[in-house]
Protein backbone atom coordinates (compact mmCIF):
# COMPACT_ATOMS: atom_id res chain seq x y z
CA MET A 1 7.83 14.37 20.47
CA GLU A 2 10.84 15.42 18.46
CA ASN A 3 12.36 12.83 16.15
CA LYS A 4 15.83 11.74 17.16
CA PRO A 5 18.69 11.22 14.68
CA VAL A 6 20.80 8.19 15.49
CA GLU A 7 23.63 6.22 13.96
CA PRO A 8 22.07 3.33 12.01
CA ALA A 9 22.82 -0.33 12.66
CA ALA A 10 24.23 -2.47 9.86
CA ALA A 11 21.91 -2.23 6.87
CA THR A 12 20.54 -5.08 4.85
CA SER A 13 23.06 -6.04 2.19
CA PRO A 14 22.49 -4.77 -1.37
CA GLN A 15 22.37 -8.38 -2.55
CA ALA A 16 19.59 -9.18 -0.07
CA GLN A 17 17.67 -6.06 -1.09
CA ARG A 18 17.92 -6.97 -4.78
CA SER A 19 16.80 -10.53 -4.04
CA ARG A 20 13.74 -9.20 -2.22
CA VAL A 21 12.78 -6.99 -5.15
CA GLU A 22 13.24 -9.89 -7.59
CA THR A 23 10.91 -12.13 -5.57
CA LEU A 24 8.30 -9.35 -5.43
CA LEU A 25 8.45 -8.89 -9.19
CA GLU A 26 8.17 -12.64 -9.81
CA ALA A 27 5.12 -12.94 -7.59
CA GLU A 28 3.43 -9.95 -9.24
CA ALA A 29 4.13 -11.41 -12.68
CA ARG A 30 2.50 -14.69 -11.68
CA GLN A 31 -0.58 -12.91 -10.43
CA LEU A 32 -0.86 -10.84 -13.61
CA ALA A 33 -0.46 -13.97 -15.77
CA HIS A 34 -3.38 -15.48 -13.83
CA ASP A 35 -5.59 -12.36 -14.23
CA ARG A 36 -4.97 -11.31 -17.82
CA PRO A 37 -7.10 -13.99 -19.53
CA ASP A 38 -10.12 -13.09 -17.38
CA PRO A 39 -12.44 -10.51 -19.02
CA ALA A 40 -13.73 -9.53 -15.57
CA SER A 41 -10.28 -8.63 -14.30
CA PRO A 42 -9.05 -4.99 -14.40
CA TYR A 43 -5.86 -6.48 -15.92
CA PHE A 44 -7.62 -8.26 -18.83
CA ALA A 45 -5.29 -8.21 -21.82
CA GLY A 46 -7.57 -9.55 -24.57
CA ASP A 47 -9.80 -7.92 -27.16
CA PRO A 48 -11.57 -4.90 -25.59
CA LYS A 49 -14.82 -6.09 -27.20
CA ALA A 50 -14.62 -9.13 -24.97
CA ARG A 51 -14.34 -6.98 -21.83
CA VAL A 52 -17.70 -7.96 -20.37
CA ASP A 53 -18.75 -8.64 -16.84
CA ARG A 54 -18.49 -12.19 -15.49
CA ARG A 55 -22.22 -12.88 -15.77
CA ARG A 56 -22.38 -12.05 -19.48
CA PHE A 57 -19.19 -14.00 -20.08
CA LEU A 58 -20.69 -17.10 -18.47
CA ALA A 59 -23.97 -16.62 -20.28
CA ALA A 60 -22.14 -16.51 -23.60
CA SER A 61 -20.30 -19.68 -22.69
CA LEU A 62 -23.61 -21.33 -21.84
CA ALA A 63 -25.15 -20.39 -25.18
CA ALA A 64 -22.12 -21.60 -27.09
CA ALA A 65 -22.30 -24.94 -25.32
CA GLY A 66 -25.95 -25.29 -26.26
CA ALA A 67 -26.90 -26.23 -22.73
CA ALA A 68 -30.59 -26.62 -22.17
CA GLY A 69 -30.71 -26.52 -18.42
CA VAL A 70 -27.80 -25.45 -16.30
CA LEU A 71 -24.23 -24.61 -17.12
CA ALA A 72 -21.83 -27.46 -16.51
CA ARG A 73 -19.31 -26.31 -13.97
CA PRO A 74 -15.94 -27.65 -12.92
CA ALA A 75 -15.41 -29.22 -9.53
CA ARG A 76 -16.44 -27.02 -6.60
CA ALA A 77 -12.84 -26.63 -5.65
CA ALA A 78 -12.57 -24.29 -8.64
CA ALA A 79 -14.66 -21.65 -6.83
CA PRO A 80 -12.73 -18.49 -5.91
CA LEU A 81 -11.41 -18.25 -2.35
CA GLY A 82 -14.22 -17.38 0.03
CA ALA A 83 -16.93 -18.53 -2.39
CA VAL A 84 -18.96 -21.66 -3.10
CA GLU A 85 -19.50 -22.86 -6.66
CA HIS A 86 -23.14 -23.14 -7.72
CA ASP A 87 -24.77 -24.11 -11.02
CA VAL A 88 -25.80 -21.10 -13.12
CA PRO A 89 -29.25 -21.29 -14.73
CA PRO A 90 -29.86 -19.53 -18.05
CA ASP A 91 -32.53 -17.37 -16.35
CA ALA A 92 -32.39 -17.03 -12.56
CA SER A 93 -35.96 -15.67 -12.49
CA LYS A 94 -37.28 -19.01 -13.71
CA ALA A 95 -35.48 -21.31 -11.29
CA GLN A 96 -35.35 -21.84 -7.55
CA GLY A 97 -32.20 -20.54 -5.91
CA TYR A 98 -30.09 -22.61 -3.59
CA PRO A 99 -31.60 -23.03 -0.12
CA LEU A 100 -30.76 -21.30 3.13
CA GLU A 101 -28.70 -23.38 5.52
CA ASP A 102 -29.87 -24.00 9.07
CA THR A 103 -26.53 -22.66 10.29
CA SER A 104 -24.07 -20.83 8.07
CA TYR A 105 -21.39 -18.17 7.99
CA GLY A 106 -21.91 -16.85 4.49
CA SER A 107 -19.70 -16.55 1.45
CA ARG A 108 -19.11 -14.10 -1.34
CA SER A 109 -20.37 -14.56 -4.89
CA GLN A 110 -18.57 -17.12 -7.01
CA PHE A 111 -18.13 -14.36 -9.60
CA GLU A 112 -15.90 -12.27 -7.33
CA THR A 113 -12.20 -13.15 -7.36
CA GLU A 114 -10.33 -10.47 -5.38
CA VAL A 115 -7.61 -11.91 -3.15
CA ARG A 116 -4.69 -10.75 -1.08
CA THR A 117 -1.39 -11.65 -2.74
CA ARG A 118 1.74 -12.65 -0.89
CA PHE A 119 4.68 -11.26 -2.80
CA LYS A 120 7.04 -14.03 -1.81
CA THR A 121 9.78 -13.59 0.72
CA ALA A 122 12.27 -16.22 1.85
CA THR A 123 9.79 -17.62 4.37
CA PRO A 124 5.97 -17.41 4.48
CA GLN A 125 6.17 -16.87 8.25
CA SER A 126 8.05 -13.57 8.00
CA SER A 127 6.16 -12.07 5.10
CA TRP A 128 3.29 -9.86 4.06
CA THR A 129 0.20 -9.90 1.82
CA PHE A 130 -1.16 -6.92 -0.14
CA THR A 131 -4.72 -5.61 -0.28
CA PRO A 132 -6.16 -5.45 -3.85
CA LEU A 133 -6.82 -1.68 -3.79
CA GLN A 134 -7.64 -1.76 -7.52
CA ASN A 135 -10.90 -3.59 -6.81
CA GLY A 136 -11.95 -1.80 -3.61
CA LEU A 137 -15.35 -0.15 -3.24
CA GLY A 138 -15.89 2.71 -0.81
CA ILE A 139 -13.36 2.90 2.01
CA ILE A 140 -13.83 -0.21 4.17
CA THR A 141 -11.53 -3.14 3.44
CA PRO A 142 -13.22 -6.54 3.87
CA SER A 143 -11.63 -8.32 6.82
CA GLY A 144 -10.53 -11.15 4.55
CA LEU A 145 -8.66 -8.72 2.28
CA HIS A 146 -6.99 -6.56 4.97
CA PHE A 147 -3.24 -6.58 4.38
CA GLU A 148 -1.09 -8.82 6.59
CA ARG A 149 2.40 -8.37 8.02
CA SER A 150 3.77 -11.11 10.22
CA HIS A 151 7.26 -11.80 11.54
CA ALA A 152 6.72 -15.36 12.79
CA GLY A 153 3.52 -16.48 11.08
CA THR A 154 -0.03 -16.15 12.39
CA ALA A 155 -0.20 -17.03 16.08
CA VAL A 156 -2.91 -19.43 17.22
CA ILE A 157 -4.12 -18.35 20.67
CA ASP A 158 -6.99 -19.65 22.82
CA PRO A 159 -8.81 -16.51 24.04
CA THR A 160 -9.92 -18.26 27.23
CA LYS A 161 -6.27 -18.63 28.22
CA HIS A 162 -5.00 -15.28 26.96
CA ALA A 163 -4.13 -12.39 29.28
CA VAL A 164 -2.51 -8.96 29.15
CA TYR A 165 -0.07 -8.03 31.90
CA VAL A 166 0.43 -4.37 32.91
CA HIS A 167 3.48 -3.64 35.05
CA GLY A 168 6.48 -1.32 35.53
CA LEU A 169 5.90 2.25 36.69
CA VAL A 170 2.36 1.59 37.96
CA ARG A 171 0.86 1.70 41.42
CA GLU A 172 -0.43 -1.88 41.14
CA PRO A 173 0.58 -4.43 38.48
CA LYS A 174 -2.47 -5.98 36.85
CA LYS A 175 -3.41 -9.03 34.83
CA PHE A 176 -6.41 -8.78 32.50
CA SER A 177 -8.10 -11.78 30.90
CA MET A 178 -10.10 -11.33 27.72
CA ARG A 179 -13.22 -11.62 29.84
CA ASP A 180 -11.96 -8.79 32.07
CA ILE A 181 -11.18 -6.55 29.07
CA LYS A 182 -14.61 -7.08 27.50
CA ARG A 183 -16.31 -5.98 30.73
CA PHE A 184 -15.02 -2.41 30.26
CA PRO A 185 -17.07 0.10 28.22
CA SER A 186 -16.23 -0.40 24.54
CA MET A 187 -15.63 2.01 21.68
CA SER A 188 -15.42 1.70 17.90
CA ARG A 189 -13.43 3.61 15.34
CA ILE A 190 -13.13 3.42 11.55
CA MET A 191 -9.45 4.03 10.66
CA PHE A 192 -6.67 2.92 8.38
CA ILE A 193 -3.54 1.00 9.28
CA GLU A 194 -0.53 1.28 6.98
CA CYS A 195 2.78 -0.52 7.03
CA SER A 196 5.56 2.06 6.98
CA GLY A 197 7.25 -0.11 4.32
CA ASN A 198 4.34 0.50 1.93
CA GLY A 199 6.01 1.42 -1.37
CA LEU A 200 9.49 0.45 -0.26
CA THR A 201 10.42 -0.72 -3.78
CA GLU A 202 9.54 2.59 -5.43
CA TRP A 203 12.20 5.02 -4.13
CA SER A 204 14.86 4.76 -6.81
CA LYS A 205 12.83 3.69 -9.84
CA PRO A 206 9.34 2.44 -10.69
CA THR A 207 9.49 -1.26 -9.84
CA LEU A 208 6.20 -3.01 -9.12
CA ARG A 209 3.58 -2.62 -11.76
CA THR A 210 0.16 -2.63 -10.04
CA VAL A 211 -1.35 -0.45 -7.33
CA GLN A 212 -1.68 -3.59 -5.20
CA GLY A 213 2.10 -3.94 -5.35
CA THR A 214 3.00 -0.26 -4.91
CA HIS A 215 0.42 0.70 -2.26
CA GLY A 216 -1.35 -2.44 -1.04
CA LEU A 217 0.03 -2.43 2.51
CA THR A 218 -2.79 -0.21 3.79
CA SER A 219 -6.37 -1.08 4.73
CA THR A 220 -9.30 0.44 6.61
CA SER A 221 -11.52 -1.38 9.10
CA GLU A 222 -13.93 -0.56 11.88
CA TRP A 223 -12.09 -1.57 15.04
CA THR A 224 -13.88 -2.22 18.36
CA GLY A 225 -12.30 -2.48 21.79
CA VAL A 226 -11.38 -0.66 24.98
CA PRO A 227 -9.43 2.61 25.33
CA LEU A 228 -5.87 1.90 26.44
CA SER A 229 -6.21 4.70 28.98
CA THR A 230 -8.92 2.67 30.73
CA ILE A 231 -6.57 -0.24 31.22
CA LEU A 232 -3.62 1.94 32.27
CA ASN A 233 -5.75 3.88 34.73
CA GLU A 234 -6.79 0.61 36.36
CA ALA A 235 -3.12 -0.07 37.12
CA GLY A 236 -2.36 3.55 37.96
CA VAL A 237 0.41 5.09 35.86
CA ARG A 238 3.05 6.83 37.98
CA GLY A 239 3.92 10.49 37.46
CA ASN A 240 7.39 9.81 36.07
CA ALA A 241 6.13 7.46 33.37
CA ARG A 242 7.02 8.58 29.83
CA TRP A 243 6.98 5.43 27.68
CA LEU A 244 5.13 2.18 27.29
CA LEU A 245 6.45 -1.11 25.91
CA ALA A 246 3.87 -3.18 24.01
CA GLU A 247 4.71 -6.84 23.42
CA GLY A 248 3.01 -9.40 21.19
CA GLY A 249 2.42 -13.04 22.00
CA ASP A 250 3.54 -14.46 18.65
CA GLY A 251 6.79 -16.30 17.96
CA ALA A 252 8.54 -12.99 17.18
CA ALA A 253 7.48 -11.40 20.49
CA MET A 254 7.20 -8.11 18.61
CA THR A 255 7.91 -5.11 20.83
CA ARG A 256 7.61 -1.34 20.33
CA SER A 257 7.91 1.72 22.55
CA ILE A 258 4.83 3.98 22.67
CA PRO A 259 4.95 7.51 24.18
CA ILE A 260 2.66 7.75 27.22
CA PRO A 261 0.86 10.90 25.92
CA LYS A 262 -0.10 9.00 22.76
CA ALA A 263 -1.12 5.90 24.76
CA MET A 264 -3.45 7.96 26.93
CA LYS A 265 -4.80 10.06 24.09
CA ASP A 266 -6.37 7.70 21.56
CA CYS A 267 -4.79 4.21 21.58
CA PHE A 268 -7.08 1.26 22.26
CA LEU A 269 -7.07 -2.52 22.61
CA ALA A 270 -9.10 -4.01 19.77
CA TYR A 271 -10.87 -7.34 19.92
CA GLY A 272 -13.37 -6.59 17.13
CA GLN A 273 -12.99 -5.89 13.41
CA ASN A 274 -15.82 -4.99 11.05
CA GLY A 275 -18.53 -6.25 13.39
CA GLU A 276 -17.02 -9.56 14.43
CA ALA A 277 -14.04 -10.90 16.34
CA ILE A 278 -10.72 -9.67 15.01
CA ARG A 279 -9.20 -12.04 12.44
CA PRO A 280 -6.30 -14.31 13.53
CA GLU A 281 -3.93 -12.67 11.04
CA GLN A 282 -4.87 -9.29 12.50
CA GLY A 283 -3.97 -10.28 16.04
CA TYR A 284 -6.80 -12.43 17.49
CA PRO A 285 -7.80 -12.27 20.22
CA LEU A 286 -6.39 -8.79 20.95
CA ARG A 287 -4.24 -6.16 19.27
CA LEU A 288 -3.05 -2.71 20.15
CA VAL A 289 -4.30 0.02 17.81
CA VAL A 290 -2.22 3.22 17.60
CA PRO A 291 -4.17 5.65 15.36
CA GLY A 292 -2.10 7.31 12.65
CA PHE A 293 1.19 5.68 13.62
CA GLU A 294 3.11 3.16 11.52
CA GLY A 295 1.57 -0.30 11.30
CA ASN A 296 4.39 -2.08 13.13
CA MET A 297 3.39 -0.25 16.34
CA ASN A 298 -0.11 -1.73 16.25
CA ILE A 299 1.11 -4.81 18.14
CA LYS A 300 -0.86 -7.97 17.36
CA TRP A 301 -1.60 -10.81 19.83
CA LEU A 302 -0.93 -8.27 22.61
CA ARG A 303 0.17 -9.90 25.88
CA ARG A 304 2.22 -7.34 27.87
CA LEU A 305 2.39 -3.62 28.61
CA GLU A 306 5.35 -2.31 30.59
CA VAL A 307 5.45 1.32 31.73
CA SER A 308 8.81 3.10 31.95
CA ASP A 309 10.49 6.50 32.11
CA ALA A 310 12.46 5.93 28.87
CA PRO A 311 12.03 4.23 25.48
CA PHE A 312 13.12 0.58 25.37
CA MET A 313 15.30 0.80 22.22
CA THR A 314 13.99 -2.44 20.79
CA ARG A 315 15.19 -4.01 17.54
CA GLU A 316 12.13 -2.62 15.75
CA GLU A 317 13.02 0.99 16.57
CA THR A 318 16.82 0.88 16.23
CA SER A 319 18.00 -1.47 13.49
CA LYS A 320 14.57 -1.34 11.84
CA TYR A 321 11.82 1.24 11.29
CA THR A 322 14.14 4.27 11.19
CA ASP A 323 14.44 6.76 8.33
CA LEU A 324 17.77 7.19 6.58
CA ARG A 325 19.23 10.62 5.87
CA PRO A 326 21.75 11.54 3.14
CA ASN A 327 24.51 11.90 5.75
CA GLY A 328 24.22 8.23 6.70
CA LYS A 329 22.38 8.81 9.95
CA ALA A 330 18.79 7.78 10.59
CA VAL A 331 15.79 9.44 12.22
CA GLN A 332 14.38 7.38 15.05
CA PHE A 333 10.82 7.51 16.39
CA SER A 334 9.29 8.85 13.18
CA PHE A 335 5.94 7.40 14.04
CA GLU A 336 3.28 9.32 12.06
CA MET A 337 2.09 8.17 8.64
CA GLU A 338 1.89 11.44 6.75
CA ALA A 339 -0.67 12.44 4.13
CA LYS A 340 -0.74 10.20 1.08
CA SER A 341 -2.97 9.33 -1.87
CA VAL A 342 -3.03 7.05 -4.90
CA ILE A 343 -5.22 6.68 -7.97
CA THR A 344 -6.63 3.16 -8.06
CA PHE A 345 -8.40 3.51 -11.42
CA PRO A 346 -6.90 3.74 -13.90
CA SER A 347 -3.69 2.33 -12.46
CA GLY A 348 -0.74 0.19 -13.44
CA GLU A 349 -1.25 -2.75 -15.85
CA MET A 350 -4.85 -1.77 -16.67
CA THR A 351 -5.79 -0.99 -20.27
CA LEU A 352 -8.37 1.63 -21.20
CA ASP A 353 -10.76 0.64 -23.99
CA GLY A 354 -10.12 3.77 -26.02
CA PRO A 355 -10.70 7.53 -25.92
CA GLY A 356 -13.77 8.68 -24.07
CA PHE A 357 -15.20 9.28 -20.63
CA TYR A 358 -13.70 7.71 -17.53
CA GLU A 359 -14.00 8.39 -13.83
CA ILE A 360 -10.64 8.64 -12.08
CA THR A 361 -10.91 7.36 -8.53
CA GLY A 362 -8.58 6.53 -5.67
CA LEU A 363 -7.88 6.74 -1.95
CA ALA A 364 -6.32 9.41 0.25
CA TRP A 365 -5.37 9.22 3.92
CA SER A 366 -3.38 10.93 6.65
CA GLY A 367 -2.13 9.80 10.04
CA ARG A 368 -2.12 13.44 11.09
CA GLY A 369 -5.88 13.97 10.75
CA THR A 370 -8.62 14.31 8.12
CA VAL A 371 -8.16 14.56 4.36
CA LYS A 372 -9.54 17.97 3.36
CA ARG A 373 -8.73 18.13 -0.33
CA VAL A 374 -7.44 15.97 -3.18
CA ASP A 375 -6.24 17.39 -6.49
CA VAL A 376 -5.78 15.32 -9.63
CA SER A 377 -3.52 16.02 -12.61
CA THR A 378 -3.64 14.33 -16.00
CA ASP A 379 -0.55 16.10 -17.37
CA GLY A 380 2.16 15.18 -14.88
CA GLY A 381 1.48 17.97 -12.41
CA LYS A 382 1.42 20.91 -14.83
CA THR A 383 -2.25 21.58 -14.05
CA TRP A 384 -4.53 20.31 -11.27
CA ARG A 385 -8.27 19.88 -10.76
CA GLN A 386 -9.95 19.42 -7.41
CA ALA A 387 -11.56 16.01 -6.99
CA ALA A 388 -14.81 15.33 -5.12
CA LEU A 389 -14.45 13.58 -1.77
CA GLN A 390 -16.93 10.77 -1.25
CA SER A 391 -18.57 10.64 2.17
CA PRO A 392 -17.63 9.81 4.82
CA ALA A 393 -14.36 11.69 5.24
CA LEU A 394 -13.15 10.67 8.70
CA PRO A 395 -9.96 11.41 10.68
CA ILE A 396 -7.10 8.92 10.18
CA CYS A 397 -9.16 7.03 7.64
CA HIS A 398 -9.14 6.22 3.95
CA THR A 399 -11.11 8.79 1.98
CA ARG A 400 -12.28 8.03 -1.56
CA PHE A 401 -11.96 10.71 -4.20
CA ARG A 402 -13.45 10.90 -7.70
CA LEU A 403 -12.92 13.05 -10.79
CA PRO A 404 -14.58 12.84 -14.24
CA TRP A 405 -12.08 12.66 -17.12
CA GLN A 406 -12.52 12.83 -20.88
CA TRP A 407 -9.49 11.05 -22.33
CA ASP A 408 -8.48 12.28 -25.78
CA GLY A 409 -6.39 9.23 -26.62
CA LYS A 410 -3.03 10.97 -26.17
CA THR A 411 -0.34 10.02 -23.62
CA ALA A 412 -1.30 11.23 -20.16
CA ILE A 413 0.40 11.20 -16.73
CA LEU A 414 -2.10 10.75 -13.89
CA GLN A 415 -1.25 11.97 -10.40
CA SER A 416 -3.07 12.79 -7.16
CA ARG A 417 -2.02 14.83 -4.16
CA CYS A 418 -3.86 15.31 -0.89
CA MET A 419 -3.90 17.92 1.83
CA ASP A 420 -5.03 17.20 5.39
CA ASP A 421 -6.61 19.47 7.97
CA THR A 422 -3.21 20.43 9.41
CA GLY A 423 -2.32 22.06 6.07
CA TYR A 424 0.23 19.37 5.20
CA VAL A 425 0.44 18.76 1.42
CA GLN A 426 1.57 15.43 -0.04
CA PRO A 427 5.06 15.95 -1.55
CA THR A 428 6.49 14.97 -4.90
CA LEU A 429 8.97 12.14 -5.10
CA GLY A 430 11.73 14.68 -5.81
CA GLN A 431 10.93 16.55 -2.61
CA VAL A 432 11.05 13.39 -0.51
CA ILE A 433 14.34 12.26 -2.06
CA ALA A 434 15.86 15.72 -1.47
CA LEU A 435 15.09 15.28 2.22
CA ARG A 436 15.91 11.60 2.61
CA GLY A 437 18.40 10.89 -0.15
CA LEU A 438 18.87 7.49 -1.79
CA ASP A 439 20.91 4.80 -0.12
CA GLY A 440 21.44 1.40 -1.70
CA PRO A 441 19.49 -0.27 -4.52
CA LEU A 442 16.11 0.53 -2.96
CA GLY A 443 16.89 4.00 -1.63
CA SER A 444 15.21 4.38 1.75
CA ILE A 445 12.67 1.85 3.02
CA TYR A 446 10.09 3.47 5.26
CA HIS A 447 7.54 6.29 5.07
CA LEU A 448 7.41 6.89 1.32
CA ASN A 449 4.37 9.15 0.86
CA ALA A 450 5.29 10.73 -2.47
CA ILE A 451 2.89 11.50 -5.30
CA GLN A 452 2.41 8.40 -7.49
CA SER A 453 2.48 8.69 -11.30
CA TRP A 454 0.64 6.44 -13.74
CA GLN A 455 1.25 6.85 -17.48
CA VAL A 456 -1.59 6.19 -19.88
CA ALA A 457 -0.11 5.42 -23.31
CA SER A 458 -1.91 6.17 -26.57
CA ASP A 459 -2.96 2.51 -26.80
CA GLY A 460 -4.61 2.76 -23.36
CA LYS A 461 -2.00 0.73 -21.47
CA VAL A 462 -1.33 2.10 -17.98
CA SER A 463 2.14 1.78 -16.40
CA ASN A 464 4.01 2.81 -13.26
CA VAL A 465 6.41 5.69 -14.00
CA HIS A 466 8.44 8.28 -12.13
CA ASP A 467 7.49 11.79 -13.26
CA TYR A 468 8.56 14.66 -10.96
């Protein structure tokens, strides 16, 4: 449908916007301070000669301590989140490993430390956490690292008591329990979800320093559930229906209007994520998934669907989630997340060990369709080289790209731009600003899909810059 320009509601005050940026910067600084002493971290700031993997680092510590048997470890509480601390023998091939449990869930290695980071807001209930894109492998985001955005905390819901109500312009209002929903034929889809506020600090000037801060509000999972059309057809959508209201069962009662053609085309109700039940922070026991549309529309803890002949003009599509124009008006119902890409290595706050060979890698995605091409520049967009796309390259899904690079030790500006199968090409920041303008200390807020620039200085330090 055509986007609709509307008069905006009162905007967040400049003071509140500045305060939000300050808290984001403080949280990022704390995380960097934690990571920089660790030789295994991409943000290690010590002697490059000490940049070894965690196993070699621990082995060296063991030798220095003169231990004869096993390495003395701190209390098990020191294990990274999601891991269990185990003693490390000097040679694992000459010792029994720890036993298999009769019943267990599994944990990651104690040598892996990636975590989501909450860049602090005034309250941890209305807040968000960022996926560590800098450490990602392939395209799937582990469920425990998928970004979060909540407006009233993570709802705790008993699935045996949860139901979805369908009413409004339908032939027969229906109530579906989780048991009812799981009886319908299921489907699975690998796709990204992205908050439309991803990059909101980066309009006016480079602000956050890492790719986790600038782009970490996007993740890809395999989602499993039931097509929304199946549920709507059970209730019987009337001929004059044009819109659907989706409502969440959390304390915020999040609501968004969904066009009926989109609802019937490819939306679905997800109860599974990456092969297991959807995580509580992702909407357990049920969330709406709206492929390619802004994350806020993928209503979590879904409890109600109301069919209507007009949009509902909720708070989240009037005073929020609209795109400002230079004339002071805003575009409403700008749902699609357009083509976007970012280099994840090397990226902000990393340090290259010196001139030589590196592989540039990153992620590209498009809510319009499939990424068909990614070009990479090392000279600020003066020249471009086509990157290789790593399989699989799926519609509305993160796609990993790679490009070999021989760094000569001179200052370089790294950029990536993607093109999807509709022919849409990711714009420069200048092109986006020319269309949207800058309003207030942050500029706009939503749908920033501009080309990202990382500067590699002659000493190897990588920083977030604007170059367009």
